[in-house]
PDB file of all heavy atoms in Angstrom:
ATOM      1  N   LEU A   1     -71.223 -20.980 -67.986  1.00  0.00           N
ATOM      2  CA  LEU A   1     -72.259 -20.577 -67.030  1.00  0.00           C
ATOM      3  C   LEU A   1     -72.064 -19.120 -66.614  1.00  0.00           C
ATOM      4  O   LEU A   1     -73.016 -18.334 -66.585  1.00  0.00           O
ATOM      5  CB  LEU A   1     -72.233 -21.498 -65.804  1.00  0.00           C
ATOM      6  CG  LEU A   1     -73.207 -21.164 -64.669  1.00  0.00           C
ATOM      7  CD1 LEU A   1     -74.654 -21.147 -65.178  1.00  0.00           C
ATOM      8  CD2 LEU A   1     -73.083 -22.161 -63.514  1.00  0.00           C
ATOM      9  N   LYS A   2     -70.827 -18.744 -66.307  1.00  0.00           N
ATOM     10  CA  LYS A   2     -70.544 -17.347 -65.928  1.00  0.00           C
ATOM     11  C   LYS A   2     -70.899 -16.398 -67.070  1.00  0.00           C
ATOM     12  O   LYS A   2     -71.442 -15.311 -66.851  1.00  0.00           O
ATOM     13  CB  LYS A   2     -69.065 -17.202 -65.555  1.00  0.00           C
ATOM     14  CG  LYS A   2     -68.699 -17.851 -64.224  1.00  0.00           C
ATOM     15  CD  LYS A   2     -67.209 -17.751 -63.967  1.00  0.00           C
ATOM     16  CE  LYS A   2     -66.821 -18.430 -62.664  1.00  0.00           C
ATOM     17  NZ  LYS A   2     -65.350 -18.395 -62.449  1.00  0.00           N
ATOM     18  N   GLN A   3     -70.593 -16.826 -68.313  1.00  0.00           N
ATOM     19  CA  GLN A   3     -70.923 -16.002 -69.482  1.00  0.00           C
ATOM     20  C   GLN A   3     -72.434 -15.807 -69.597  1.00  0.00           C
ATOM     21  O   GLN A   3     -72.904 -14.686 -69.839  1.00  0.00           O
ATOM     22  CB  GLN A   3     -70.377 -16.693 -70.752  1.00  0.00           C
ATOM     23  CG  GLN A   3     -70.622 -15.909 -72.047  1.00  0.00           C
ATOM     24  CD  GLN A   3     -70.309 -16.770 -73.275  1.00  0.00           C
ATOM     25  OE1 GLN A   3     -69.401 -17.621 -73.245  1.00  0.00           O
ATOM     26  NE2 GLN A   3     -71.087 -16.597 -74.356  1.00  0.00           N
ATOM     27  N   ALA A   4     -73.200 -16.903 -69.409  1.00  0.00           N
ATOM     28  CA  ALA A   4     -74.665 -16.839 -69.506  1.00  0.00           C
ATOM     29  C   ALA A   4     -75.242 -15.923 -68.427  1.00  0.00           C
ATOM     30  O   ALA A   4     -76.160 -15.132 -68.681  1.00  0.00           O
ATOM     31  CB  ALA A   4     -75.265 -18.237 -69.402  1.00  0.00           C
ATOM     32  N   ILE A   5     -74.693 -16.030 -67.186  1.00  0.00           N
ATOM     33  CA  ILE A   5     -75.154 -15.171 -66.083  1.00  0.00           C
ATOM     34  C   ILE A   5     -74.888 -13.710 -66.415  1.00  0.00           C
ATOM     35  O   ILE A   5     -75.757 -12.845 -66.256  1.00  0.00           O
ATOM     36  CB  ILE A   5     -74.453 -15.562 -64.747  1.00  0.00           C
ATOM     37  CG1 ILE A   5     -74.893 -16.951 -64.286  1.00  0.00           C
ATOM     38  CG2 ILE A   5     -74.765 -14.531 -63.667  1.00  0.00           C
ATOM     39  CD1 ILE A   5     -74.066 -17.502 -63.125  1.00  0.00           C
ATOM     40  N   ALA A   6     -73.666 -13.428 -66.897  1.00  0.00           N
ATOM     41  CA  ALA A   6     -73.302 -12.044 -67.247  1.00  0.00           C
ATOM     42  C   ALA A   6     -74.210 -11.495 -68.342  1.00  0.00           C
ATOM     43  O   ALA A   6     -74.613 -10.326 -68.307  1.00  0.00           O
ATOM     44  CB  ALA A   6     -71.835 -11.987 -67.682  1.00  0.00           C
ATOM     45  N   GLU A   7     -74.567 -12.347 -69.305  1.00  0.00           N
ATOM     46  CA  GLU A   7     -75.464 -11.907 -70.384  1.00  0.00           C
ATOM     47  C   GLU A   7     -76.853 -11.573 -69.850  1.00  0.00           C
ATOM     48  O   GLU A   7     -77.473 -10.594 -70.240  1.00  0.00           O
ATOM     49  CB  GLU A   7     -75.576 -12.995 -71.454  1.00  0.00           C
ATOM     50  CG  GLU A   7     -74.375 -13.049 -72.402  1.00  0.00           C
ATOM     51  CD  GLU A   7     -74.585 -14.053 -73.527  1.00  0.00           C
ATOM     52  OE1 GLU A   7     -75.707 -14.127 -74.062  1.00  0.00           O
ATOM     53  OE2 GLU A   7     -73.630 -14.787 -73.850  1.00  0.00           O
ATOM     54  N   LEU A   8     -77.347 -12.427 -68.950  1.00  0.00           N
ATOM     55  CA  LEU A   8     -78.714 -12.235 -68.445  1.00  0.00           C
ATOM     56  C   LEU A   8     -78.816 -11.037 -67.497  1.00  0.00           C
ATOM     57  O   LEU A   8     -79.816 -10.329 -67.482  1.00  0.00           O
ATOM     58  CB  LEU A   8     -79.196 -13.504 -67.730  1.00  0.00           C
ATOM     59  CG  LEU A   8     -79.512 -14.697 -68.646  1.00  0.00           C
ATOM     60  CD1 LEU A   8     -79.684 -15.965 -67.832  1.00  0.00           C
ATOM     61  CD2 LEU A   8     -80.767 -14.426 -69.469  1.00  0.00           C
ATOM     62  N   LEU A   9     -77.774 -10.845 -66.684  1.00  0.00           N
ATOM     63  CA  LEU A   9     -77.818  -9.747 -65.717  1.00  0.00           C
ATOM     64  C   LEU A   9     -77.191  -8.470 -66.266  1.00  0.00           C
ATOM     65  O   LEU A   9     -77.457  -7.376 -65.787  1.00  0.00           O
ATOM     66  CB  LEU A   9     -77.087 -10.149 -64.422  1.00  0.00           C
ATOM     67  CG  LEU A   9     -77.781 -11.206 -63.562  1.00  0.00           C
ATOM     68  CD1 LEU A   9     -76.887 -11.575 -62.379  1.00  0.00           C
ATOM     69  CD2 LEU A   9     -79.128 -10.715 -63.038  1.00  0.00           C
ATOM     70  N   GLY A  10     -76.341  -8.631 -67.259  1.00  0.00           N
ATOM     71  CA  GLY A  10     -75.608  -7.468 -67.770  1.00  0.00           C
ATOM     72  C   GLY A  10     -76.197  -6.909 -69.038  1.00  0.00           C
ATOM     73  O   GLY A  10     -75.457  -6.502 -69.938  1.00  0.00           O
ATOM     74  N   ASN A  11     -77.504  -6.912 -69.131  1.00  0.00           N
ATOM     75  CA  ASN A  11     -78.123  -6.398 -70.354  1.00  0.00           C
ATOM     76  C   ASN A  11     -77.970  -4.891 -70.478  1.00  0.00           C
ATOM     77  O   ASN A  11     -78.243  -4.313 -71.510  1.00  0.00           O
ATOM     78  CB  ASN A  11     -79.604  -6.803 -70.435  1.00  0.00           C
ATOM     79  CG  ASN A  11     -80.327  -6.478 -69.151  1.00  0.00           C
ATOM     80  OD1 ASN A  11     -79.789  -5.808 -68.276  1.00  0.00           O
ATOM     81  ND2 ASN A  11     -81.543  -6.960 -69.025  1.00  0.00           N
ATOM     82  N   ASP A  12     -77.533  -4.235 -69.420  1.00  0.00           N
ATOM     83  CA  ASP A  12     -77.312  -2.800 -69.487  1.00  0.00           C
ATOM     84  C   ASP A  12     -75.812  -2.530 -69.352  1.00  0.00           C
ATOM     85  O   ASP A  12     -75.325  -1.972 -68.376  1.00  0.00           O
ATOM     86  CB  ASP A  12     -78.101  -2.119 -68.363  1.00  0.00           C
ATOM     87  CG  ASP A  12     -78.290  -0.634 -68.657  1.00  0.00           C
ATOM     88  OD1 ASP A  12     -78.019  -0.209 -69.791  1.00  0.00           O
ATOM     89  OD2 ASP A  12     -78.666   0.110 -67.735  1.00  0.00           O
ATOM     90  N   LEU A  13     -75.085  -2.931 -70.379  1.00  0.00           N
ATOM     91  CA  LEU A  13     -73.636  -2.854 -70.369  1.00  0.00           C
ATOM     92  C   LEU A  13     -73.175  -1.644 -71.176  1.00  0.00           C
ATOM     93  O   LEU A  13     -73.724  -1.371 -72.242  1.00  0.00           O
ATOM     94  CB  LEU A  13     -73.088  -4.148 -70.981  1.00  0.00           C
ATOM     95  CG  LEU A  13     -71.692  -4.615 -70.622  1.00  0.00           C
ATOM     96  CD1 LEU A  13     -71.558  -4.918 -69.152  1.00  0.00           C
ATOM     97  CD2 LEU A  13     -71.343  -5.870 -71.422  1.00  0.00           C
ATOM     98  N   TYR A  14     -72.181  -0.909 -70.676  1.00  0.00           N
ATOM     99  CA  TYR A  14     -71.622   0.193 -71.445  1.00  0.00           C
ATOM    100  C   TYR A  14     -70.331  -0.279 -72.121  1.00  0.00           C
ATOM    101  O   TYR A  14     -69.394  -0.736 -71.453  1.00  0.00           O
ATOM    102  CB  TYR A  14     -71.325   1.406 -70.557  1.00  0.00           C
ATOM    103  CG  TYR A  14     -70.654   2.526 -71.343  1.00  0.00           C
ATOM    104  CD1 TYR A  14     -71.400   3.406 -72.114  1.00  0.00           C
ATOM    105  CD2 TYR A  14     -69.261   2.666 -71.361  1.00  0.00           C
ATOM    106  CE1 TYR A  14     -70.799   4.406 -72.872  1.00  0.00           C
ATOM    107  CE2 TYR A  14     -68.652   3.657 -72.117  1.00  0.00           C
ATOM    108  CZ  TYR A  14     -69.424   4.517 -72.875  1.00  0.00           C
ATOM    109  OH  TYR A  14     -68.826   5.503 -73.640  1.00  0.00           O
ATOM    110  N   VAL A  15     -70.273  -0.181 -73.421  1.00  0.00           N
ATOM    111  CA  VAL A  15     -69.063  -0.503 -74.173  1.00  0.00           C
ATOM    112  C   VAL A  15     -68.730   0.719 -75.035  1.00  0.00           C
ATOM    113  O   VAL A  15     -69.534   1.140 -75.873  1.00  0.00           O
ATOM    114  CB  VAL A  15     -69.257  -1.743 -75.075  1.00  0.00           C
ATOM    115  CG1 VAL A  15     -67.965  -2.058 -75.823  1.00  0.00           C
ATOM    116  CG2 VAL A  15     -69.712  -2.953 -74.252  1.00  0.00           C
ATOM    117  N   GLY A  16     -67.558   1.330 -74.822  1.00  0.00           N
ATOM    118  CA  GLY A  16     -67.200   2.518 -75.593  1.00  0.00           C
ATOM    119  C   GLY A  16     -65.815   3.024 -75.201  1.00  0.00           C
ATOM    120  O   GLY A  16     -65.089   2.404 -74.424  1.00  0.00           O
ATOM    121  N   THR A  17     -65.435   4.198 -75.754  1.00  0.00           N
ATOM    122  CA  THR A  17     -64.115   4.799 -75.490  1.00  0.00           C
ATOM    123  C   THR A  17     -64.302   6.092 -74.702  1.00  0.00           C
ATOM    124  O   THR A  17     -65.044   6.986 -75.117  1.00  0.00           O
ATOM    125  CB  THR A  17     -63.373   5.088 -76.814  1.00  0.00           C
ATOM    126  OG1 THR A  17     -63.286   3.871 -77.562  1.00  0.00           O
ATOM    127  CG2 THR A  17     -61.976   5.617 -76.538  1.00  0.00           C
ATOM    128  N   LEU A  18     -63.608   6.192 -73.575  1.00  0.00           N
ATOM    129  CA  LEU A  18     -63.671   7.384 -72.732  1.00  0.00           C
ATOM    130  C   LEU A  18     -62.393   8.209 -72.905  1.00  0.00           C
ATOM    131  O   LEU A  18     -61.289   7.656 -72.995  1.00  0.00           O
ATOM    132  CB  LEU A  18     -63.814   6.998 -71.255  1.00  0.00           C
ATOM    133  CG  LEU A  18     -65.050   6.186 -70.853  1.00  0.00           C
ATOM    134  CD1 LEU A  18     -65.032   5.931 -69.337  1.00  0.00           C
ATOM    135  CD2 LEU A  18     -66.346   6.889 -71.229  1.00  0.00           C
ATOM    136  N   ARG A  19     -62.542   9.551 -72.954  1.00  0.00           N
ATOM    137  CA  ARG A  19     -61.400  10.479 -73.021  1.00  0.00           C
ATOM    138  C   ARG A  19     -61.224  11.065 -71.628  1.00  0.00           C
ATOM    139  O   ARG A  19     -62.038  11.866 -71.171  1.00  0.00           O
ATOM    140  CB  ARG A  19     -61.670  11.605 -74.021  1.00  0.00           C
ATOM    141  CG  ARG A  19     -61.744  11.167 -75.476  1.00  0.00           C
ATOM    142  CD  ARG A  19     -61.940  12.378 -76.404  1.00  0.00           C
ATOM    143  NE  ARG A  19     -60.719  13.194 -76.539  1.00  0.00           N
ATOM    144  CZ  ARG A  19     -60.504  14.331 -75.943  1.00  0.00           C
ATOM    145  NH1 ARG A  19     -61.425  14.856 -75.160  1.00  0.00           N
ATOM    146  NH2 ARG A  19     -59.368  15.031 -76.123  1.00  0.00           N
ATOM    147  N   LEU A  20     -60.170  10.663 -70.946  1.00  0.00           N
ATOM    148  CA  LEU A  20     -59.979  11.124 -69.570  1.00  0.00           C
ATOM    149  C   LEU A  20     -58.699  11.935 -69.467  1.00  0.00           C
ATOM    150  O   LEU A  20     -57.588  11.397 -69.606  1.00  0.00           O
ATOM    151  CB  LEU A  20     -59.914   9.935 -68.603  1.00  0.00           C
ATOM    152  CG  LEU A  20     -61.156   9.041 -68.525  1.00  0.00           C
ATOM    153  CD1 LEU A  20     -60.990   7.999 -67.418  1.00  0.00           C
ATOM    154  CD2 LEU A  20     -62.436   9.821 -68.293  1.00  0.00           C
ATOM    155  N   PRO A  21     -58.801  13.262 -69.244  1.00  0.00           N
ATOM    156  CA  PRO A  21     -57.597  14.083 -69.025  1.00  0.00           C
ATOM    157  C   PRO A  21     -56.966  13.735 -67.673  1.00  0.00           C
ATOM    158  O   PRO A  21     -57.540  13.001 -66.864  1.00  0.00           O
ATOM    159  CB  PRO A  21     -58.149  15.509 -69.042  1.00  0.00           C
ATOM    160  CG  PRO A  21     -59.593  15.377 -68.664  1.00  0.00           C
ATOM    161  CD  PRO A  21     -60.043  14.048 -69.166  1.00  0.00           C
ATOM    162  N   GLN A  22     -55.800  14.317 -67.427  1.00  0.00           N
ATOM    163  CA  GLN A  22     -55.046  13.970 -66.228  1.00  0.00           C
ATOM    164  C   GLN A  22     -55.802  14.261 -64.941  1.00  0.00           C
ATOM    165  O   GLN A  22     -55.650  13.566 -63.944  1.00  0.00           O
ATOM    166  CB  GLN A  22     -53.704  14.713 -66.228  1.00  0.00           C
ATOM    167  CG  GLN A  22     -52.725  14.129 -67.260  1.00  0.00           C
ATOM    168  CD  GLN A  22     -51.394  14.825 -67.263  1.00  0.00           C
ATOM    169  OE1 GLN A  22     -51.183  15.792 -66.549  1.00  0.00           O
ATOM    170  NE2 GLN A  22     -50.464  14.385 -68.097  1.00  0.00           N
ATOM    171  N   GLN A  23     -56.615  15.315 -64.941  1.00  0.00           N
ATOM    172  CA  GLN A  23     -57.357  15.654 -63.702  1.00  0.00           C
ATOM    173  C   GLN A  23     -58.387  14.583 -63.333  1.00  0.00           C
ATOM    174  O   GLN A  23     -58.900  14.579 -62.210  1.00  0.00           O
ATOM    175  CB  GLN A  23     -58.011  17.039 -63.784  1.00  0.00           C
ATOM    176  CG  GLN A  23     -58.971  17.255 -64.919  1.00  0.00           C
ATOM    177  CD  GLN A  23     -58.288  17.914 -66.106  1.00  0.00           C
ATOM    178  OE1 GLN A  23     -57.135  17.612 -66.428  1.00  0.00           O
ATOM    179  NE2 GLN A  23     -58.988  18.822 -66.781  1.00  0.00           N
ATOM    180  N   LEU A  24     -58.697  13.681 -64.294  1.00  0.00           N
ATOM    181  CA  LEU A  24     -59.600  12.563 -63.981  1.00  0.00           C
ATOM    182  C   LEU A  24     -58.815  11.252 -63.778  1.00  0.00           C
ATOM    183  O   LEU A  24     -59.311  10.157 -64.016  1.00  0.00           O
ATOM    184  CB  LEU A  24     -60.653  12.387 -65.089  1.00  0.00           C
ATOM    185  CG  LEU A  24     -61.714  13.485 -65.183  1.00  0.00           C
ATOM    186  CD1 LEU A  24     -62.652  13.248 -66.362  1.00  0.00           C
ATOM    187  CD2 LEU A  24     -62.539  13.569 -63.890  1.00  0.00           C
ATOM    188  N   GLY A  25     -57.575  11.416 -63.298  1.00  0.00           N
ATOM    189  CA  GLY A  25     -56.707  10.254 -63.074  1.00  0.00           C
ATOM    190  C   GLY A  25     -57.297   9.282 -62.042  1.00  0.00           C
ATOM    191  O   GLY A  25     -57.117   8.070 -62.129  1.00  0.00           O
ATOM    192  N   ARG A  26     -58.033   9.836 -61.059  1.00  0.00           N
ATOM    193  CA  ARG A  26     -58.653   8.986 -60.036  1.00  0.00           C
ATOM    194  C   ARG A  26     -59.686   8.043 -60.677  1.00  0.00           C
ATOM    195  O   ARG A  26     -59.718   6.846 -60.372  1.00  0.00           O
ATOM    196  CB  ARG A  26     -59.315   9.863 -58.969  1.00  0.00           C
ATOM    197  CG  ARG A  26     -59.893   9.093 -57.799  1.00  0.00           C
ATOM    198  CD  ARG A  26     -60.542  10.069 -56.823  1.00  0.00           C
ATOM    199  NE  ARG A  26     -61.246   9.371 -55.770  1.00  0.00           N
ATOM    200  CZ  ARG A  26     -60.706   8.982 -54.633  1.00  0.00           C
ATOM    201  NH1 ARG A  26     -59.454   9.232 -54.420  1.00  0.00           N
ATOM    202  NH2 ARG A  26     -61.427   8.338 -53.717  1.00  0.00           N
ATOM    203  N   MET A  27     -60.528   8.597 -61.594  1.00  0.00           N
ATOM    204  CA  MET A  27     -61.513   7.762 -62.274  1.00  0.00           C
ATOM    205  C   MET A  27     -60.821   6.696 -63.126  1.00  0.00           C
ATOM    206  O   MET A  27     -61.256   5.540 -63.168  1.00  0.00           O
ATOM    207  CB  MET A  27     -62.437   8.622 -63.146  1.00  0.00           C
ATOM    208  CG  MET A  27     -63.531   7.789 -63.822  1.00  0.00           C
ATOM    209  SD  MET A  27     -64.546   8.714 -64.988  1.00  0.00           S
ATOM    210  CE  MET A  27     -65.660   9.530 -63.920  1.00  0.00           C
ATOM    211  N   ARG A  28     -59.734   7.111 -63.802  1.00  0.00           N
ATOM    212  CA  ARG A  28     -58.968   6.155 -64.613  1.00  0.00           C
ATOM    213  C   ARG A  28     -58.501   4.981 -63.749  1.00  0.00           C
ATOM    214  O   ARG A  28     -58.645   3.816 -64.124  1.00  0.00           O
ATOM    215  CB  ARG A  28     -57.770   6.866 -65.251  1.00  0.00           C
ATOM    216  CG  ARG A  28     -56.815   5.967 -66.023  1.00  0.00           C
ATOM    217  CD  ARG A  28     -55.586   6.739 -66.500  1.00  0.00           C
ATOM    218  NE  ARG A  28     -54.582   5.817 -67.004  1.00  0.00           N
ATOM    219  CZ  ARG A  28     -53.683   5.197 -66.251  1.00  0.00           C
ATOM    220  NH1 ARG A  28     -53.683   5.412 -64.923  1.00  0.00           N
ATOM    221  NH2 ARG A  28     -52.797   4.366 -66.798  1.00  0.00           N
ATOM    222  N   ALA A  29     -57.948   5.297 -62.569  1.00  0.00           N
ATOM    223  CA  ALA A  29     -57.456   4.253 -61.661  1.00  0.00           C
ATOM    224  C   ALA A  29     -58.600   3.341 -61.213  1.00  0.00           C
ATOM    225  O   ALA A  29     -58.443   2.115 -61.128  1.00  0.00           O
ATOM    226  CB  ALA A  29     -56.776   4.898 -60.457  1.00  0.00           C
ATOM    227  N   GLN A  30     -59.762   3.940 -60.927  1.00  0.00           N
ATOM    228  CA  GLN A  30     -60.927   3.153 -60.491  1.00  0.00           C
ATOM    229  C   GLN A  30     -61.408   2.206 -61.597  1.00  0.00           C
ATOM    230  O   GLN A  30     -61.790   1.062 -61.328  1.00  0.00           O
ATOM    231  CB  GLN A  30     -62.062   4.084 -60.059  1.00  0.00           C
ATOM    232  CG  GLN A  30     -61.783   4.790 -58.722  1.00  0.00           C
ATOM    233  CD  GLN A  30     -62.779   5.904 -58.439  1.00  0.00           C
ATOM    234  OE1 GLN A  30     -63.312   6.553 -59.358  1.00  0.00           O
ATOM    235  NE2 GLN A  30     -63.029   6.150 -57.154  1.00  0.00           N
ATOM    236  N   LEU A  31     -61.361   2.686 -62.850  1.00  0.00           N
ATOM    237  CA  LEU A  31     -61.757   1.834 -63.972  1.00  0.00           C
ATOM    238  C   LEU A  31     -60.806   0.643 -64.117  1.00  0.00           C
ATOM    239  O   LEU A  31     -61.227  -0.482 -64.387  1.00  0.00           O
ATOM    240  CB  LEU A  31     -61.791   2.649 -65.271  1.00  0.00           C
ATOM    241  CG  LEU A  31     -62.967   3.625 -65.413  1.00  0.00           C
ATOM    242  CD1 LEU A  31     -62.715   4.620 -66.526  1.00  0.00           C
ATOM    243  CD2 LEU A  31     -64.280   2.859 -65.678  1.00  0.00           C
ATOM    244  N   PHE A  32     -59.506   0.886 -63.904  1.00  0.00           N
ATOM    245  CA  PHE A  32     -58.532  -0.206 -63.943  1.00  0.00           C
ATOM    246  C   PHE A  32     -58.779  -1.190 -62.794  1.00  0.00           C
ATOM    247  O   PHE A  32     -58.686  -2.405 -62.969  1.00  0.00           O
ATOM    248  CB  PHE A  32     -57.094   0.339 -63.885  1.00  0.00           C
ATOM    249  CG  PHE A  32     -56.517   0.645 -65.245  1.00  0.00           C
ATOM    250  CD1 PHE A  32     -56.483   1.950 -65.719  1.00  0.00           C
ATOM    251  CD2 PHE A  32     -56.027  -0.371 -66.053  1.00  0.00           C
ATOM    252  CE1 PHE A  32     -55.960   2.241 -66.989  1.00  0.00           C
ATOM    253  CE2 PHE A  32     -55.504  -0.102 -67.321  1.00  0.00           C
ATOM    254  CZ  PHE A  32     -55.468   1.212 -67.792  1.00  0.00           C
ATOM    255  N   ASP A  33     -59.087  -0.647 -61.612  1.00  0.00           N
ATOM    256  CA  ASP A  33     -59.365  -1.499 -60.442  1.00  0.00           C
ATOM    257  C   ASP A  33     -60.551  -2.420 -60.693  1.00  0.00           C
ATOM    258  O   ASP A  33     -60.574  -3.564 -60.224  1.00  0.00           O
ATOM    259  CB  ASP A  33     -59.643  -0.645 -59.199  1.00  0.00           C
ATOM    260  CG  ASP A  33     -58.373  -0.001 -58.642  1.00  0.00           C
ATOM    261  OD1 ASP A  33     -57.272  -0.458 -59.020  1.00  0.00           O
ATOM    262  OD2 ASP A  33     -58.500   0.954 -57.834  1.00  0.00           O
ATOM    263  N   LEU A  34     -61.547  -1.916 -61.410  1.00  0.00           N
ATOM    264  CA  LEU A  34     -62.750  -2.703 -61.704  1.00  0.00           C
ATOM    265  C   LEU A  34     -62.519  -3.716 -62.829  1.00  0.00           C
ATOM    266  O   LEU A  34     -63.406  -4.541 -63.111  1.00  0.00           O
ATOM    267  CB  LEU A  34     -63.915  -1.779 -62.091  1.00  0.00           C
ATOM    268  CG  LEU A  34     -64.523  -0.933 -60.962  1.00  0.00           C
ATOM    269  CD1 LEU A  34     -65.453   0.140 -61.545  1.00  0.00           C
ATOM    270  CD2 LEU A  34     -65.300  -1.819 -59.993  1.00  0.00           C
ATOM    271  N   GLY A  35     -61.347  -3.640 -63.478  1.00  0.00           N
ATOM    272  CA  GLY A  35     -61.055  -4.533 -64.604  1.00  0.00           C
ATOM    273  C   GLY A  35     -61.878  -4.202 -65.837  1.00  0.00           C
ATOM    274  O   GLY A  35     -62.124  -5.061 -66.687  1.00  0.00           O
ATOM    275  N   ALA A  36     -62.323  -2.914 -65.938  1.00  0.00           N
ATOM    276  CA  ALA A  36     -63.210  -2.507 -67.033  1.00  0.00           C
ATOM    277  C   ALA A  36     -62.446  -2.060 -68.275  1.00  0.00           C
ATOM    278  O   ALA A  36     -63.026  -1.930 -69.355  1.00  0.00           O
ATOM    279  CB  ALA A  36     -64.124  -1.378 -66.553  1.00  0.00           C
ATOM    280  N   VAL A  37     -61.127  -1.792 -68.137  1.00  0.00           N
ATOM    281  CA  VAL A  37     -60.341  -1.243 -69.250  1.00  0.00           C
ATOM    282  C   VAL A  37     -59.864  -2.378 -70.160  1.00  0.00           C
ATOM    283  O   VAL A  37     -59.146  -3.274 -69.731  1.00  0.00           O
ATOM    284  CB  VAL A  37     -59.144  -0.428 -68.723  1.00  0.00           C
ATOM    285  CG1 VAL A  37     -58.340   0.141 -69.895  1.00  0.00           C
ATOM    286  CG2 VAL A  37     -59.624   0.704 -67.810  1.00  0.00           C
ATOM    287  N   GLN A  38     -60.270  -2.315 -71.423  1.00  0.00           N
ATOM    288  CA  GLN A  38     -59.842  -3.303 -72.417  1.00  0.00           C
ATOM    289  C   GLN A  38     -58.497  -2.925 -73.034  1.00  0.00           C
ATOM    290  O   GLN A  38     -57.650  -3.772 -73.265  1.00  0.00           O
ATOM    291  CB  GLN A  38     -60.890  -3.424 -73.547  1.00  0.00           C
ATOM    292  CG  GLN A  38     -62.322  -3.684 -73.063  1.00  0.00           C
ATOM    293  CD  GLN A  38     -62.530  -5.069 -72.520  1.00  0.00           C
ATOM    294  OE1 GLN A  38     -62.375  -6.038 -73.250  1.00  0.00           O
ATOM    295  NE2 GLN A  38     -62.885  -5.182 -71.247  1.00  0.00           N
ATOM    296  N   SER A  39     -58.316  -1.639 -73.286  1.00  0.00           N
ATOM    297  CA  SER A  39     -57.044  -1.147 -73.840  1.00  0.00           C
ATOM    298  C   SER A  39     -56.926   0.342 -73.529  1.00  0.00           C
ATOM    299  O   SER A  39     -57.928   1.009 -73.224  1.00  0.00           O
ATOM    300  CB  SER A  39     -56.959  -1.392 -75.348  1.00  0.00           C
ATOM    301  OG  SER A  39     -57.943  -0.606 -76.026  1.00  0.00           O
ATOM    302  N   GLU A  40     -55.681   0.886 -73.643  1.00  0.00           N
ATOM    303  CA  GLU A  40     -55.454   2.304 -73.370  1.00  0.00           C
ATOM    304  C   GLU A  40     -54.411   2.844 -74.330  1.00  0.00           C
ATOM    305  O   GLU A  40     -53.368   2.222 -74.537  1.00  0.00           O
ATOM    306  CB  GLU A  40     -54.995   2.520 -71.925  1.00  0.00           C
ATOM    307  CG  GLU A  40     -54.740   3.965 -71.584  1.00  0.00           C
ATOM    308  CD  GLU A  40     -54.164   4.196 -70.188  1.00  0.00           C
ATOM    309  OE1 GLU A  40     -53.474   3.297 -69.678  1.00  0.00           O
ATOM    310  OE2 GLU A  40     -54.398   5.274 -69.629  1.00  0.00           O
ATOM    311  N   VAL A  41     -54.679   3.993 -74.922  1.00  0.00           N
ATOM    312  CA  VAL A  41     -53.686   4.748 -75.702  1.00  0.00           C
ATOM    313  C   VAL A  41     -53.776   6.205 -75.254  1.00  0.00           C
ATOM    314  O   VAL A  41     -54.708   6.599 -74.543  1.00  0.00           O
ATOM    315  CB  VAL A  41     -53.925   4.630 -77.237  1.00  0.00           C
ATOM    316  CG1 VAL A  41     -53.715   3.208 -77.708  1.00  0.00           C
ATOM    317  CG2 VAL A  41     -55.314   5.121 -77.624  1.00  0.00           C
ATOM    318  N   HIS A  42     -52.777   7.003 -75.655  1.00  0.00           N
ATOM    319  CA  HIS A  42     -52.794   8.434 -75.316  1.00  0.00           C
ATOM    320  C   HIS A  42     -52.749   9.242 -76.601  1.00  0.00           C
ATOM    321  O   HIS A  42     -52.040   8.885 -77.554  1.00  0.00           O
ATOM    322  CB  HIS A  42     -51.585   8.799 -74.441  1.00  0.00           C
ATOM    323  CG  HIS A  42     -51.641   8.136 -73.091  1.00  0.00           C
ATOM    324  ND1 HIS A  42     -51.178   6.871 -72.873  1.00  0.00           N
ATOM    325  CD2 HIS A  42     -52.124   8.574 -71.907  1.00  0.00           C
ATOM    326  CE1 HIS A  42     -51.364   6.546 -71.595  1.00  0.00           C
ATOM    327  NE2 HIS A  42     -51.936   7.562 -70.986  1.00  0.00           N
ATOM    328  N   ASP A  43     -53.502  10.362 -76.660  1.00  0.00           N
ATOM    329  CA  ASP A  43     -53.438  11.222 -77.843  1.00  0.00           C
ATOM    330  C   ASP A  43     -52.286  12.215 -77.684  1.00  0.00           C
ATOM    331  O   ASP A  43     -51.561  12.195 -76.665  1.00  0.00           O
ATOM    332  CB  ASP A  43     -54.786  11.916 -78.090  1.00  0.00           C
ATOM    333  CG  ASP A  43     -55.173  12.904 -76.989  1.00  0.00           C
ATOM    334  OD1 ASP A  43     -54.327  13.209 -76.129  1.00  0.00           O
ATOM    335  OD2 ASP A  43     -56.339  13.370 -76.998  1.00  0.00           O
ATOM    336  N   GLU A  44     -52.114  13.125 -78.676  1.00  0.00           N
ATOM    337  CA  GLU A  44     -50.968  14.067 -78.668  1.00  0.00           C
ATOM    338  C   GLU A  44     -51.014  15.028 -77.476  1.00  0.00           C
ATOM    339  O   GLU A  44     -49.987  15.585 -77.080  1.00  0.00           O
ATOM    340  CB  GLU A  44     -50.876  14.848 -79.997  1.00  0.00           C
ATOM    341  CG  GLU A  44     -52.083  15.567 -80.457  1.00  0.00           C
ATOM    342  CD  GLU A  44     -53.076  14.678 -81.217  1.00  0.00           C
ATOM    343  OE1 GLU A  44     -52.925  13.439 -81.242  1.00  0.00           O
ATOM    344  OE2 GLU A  44     -54.046  15.251 -81.715  1.00  0.00           O
ATOM    345  N   GLU A  45     -52.206  15.214 -76.889  1.00  0.00           N
ATOM    346  CA  GLU A  45     -52.329  16.107 -75.720  1.00  0.00           C
ATOM    347  C   GLU A  45     -52.088  15.377 -74.399  1.00  0.00           C
ATOM    348  O   GLU A  45     -52.182  15.969 -73.315  1.00  0.00           O
ATOM    349  CB  GLU A  45     -53.712  16.755 -75.700  1.00  0.00           C
ATOM    350  CG  GLU A  45     -53.993  17.659 -76.899  1.00  0.00           C
ATOM    351  CD  GLU A  45     -55.452  18.083 -76.988  1.00  0.00           C
ATOM    352  OE1 GLU A  45     -56.165  17.966 -75.966  1.00  0.00           O
ATOM    353  OE2 GLU A  45     -55.890  18.542 -78.061  1.00  0.00           O
TER     354      GLU A  45
END
């Protein structure tokens, strides 16, 4: 039921990869708080 509700109301869902440098650490923390982060890796920079 929860899945069906999410499908019906969440038709405008963003799924993708964001590149967040250290100065956007606050946004990164907020995304984790929302439970939106599926996985995280760091590049050479």
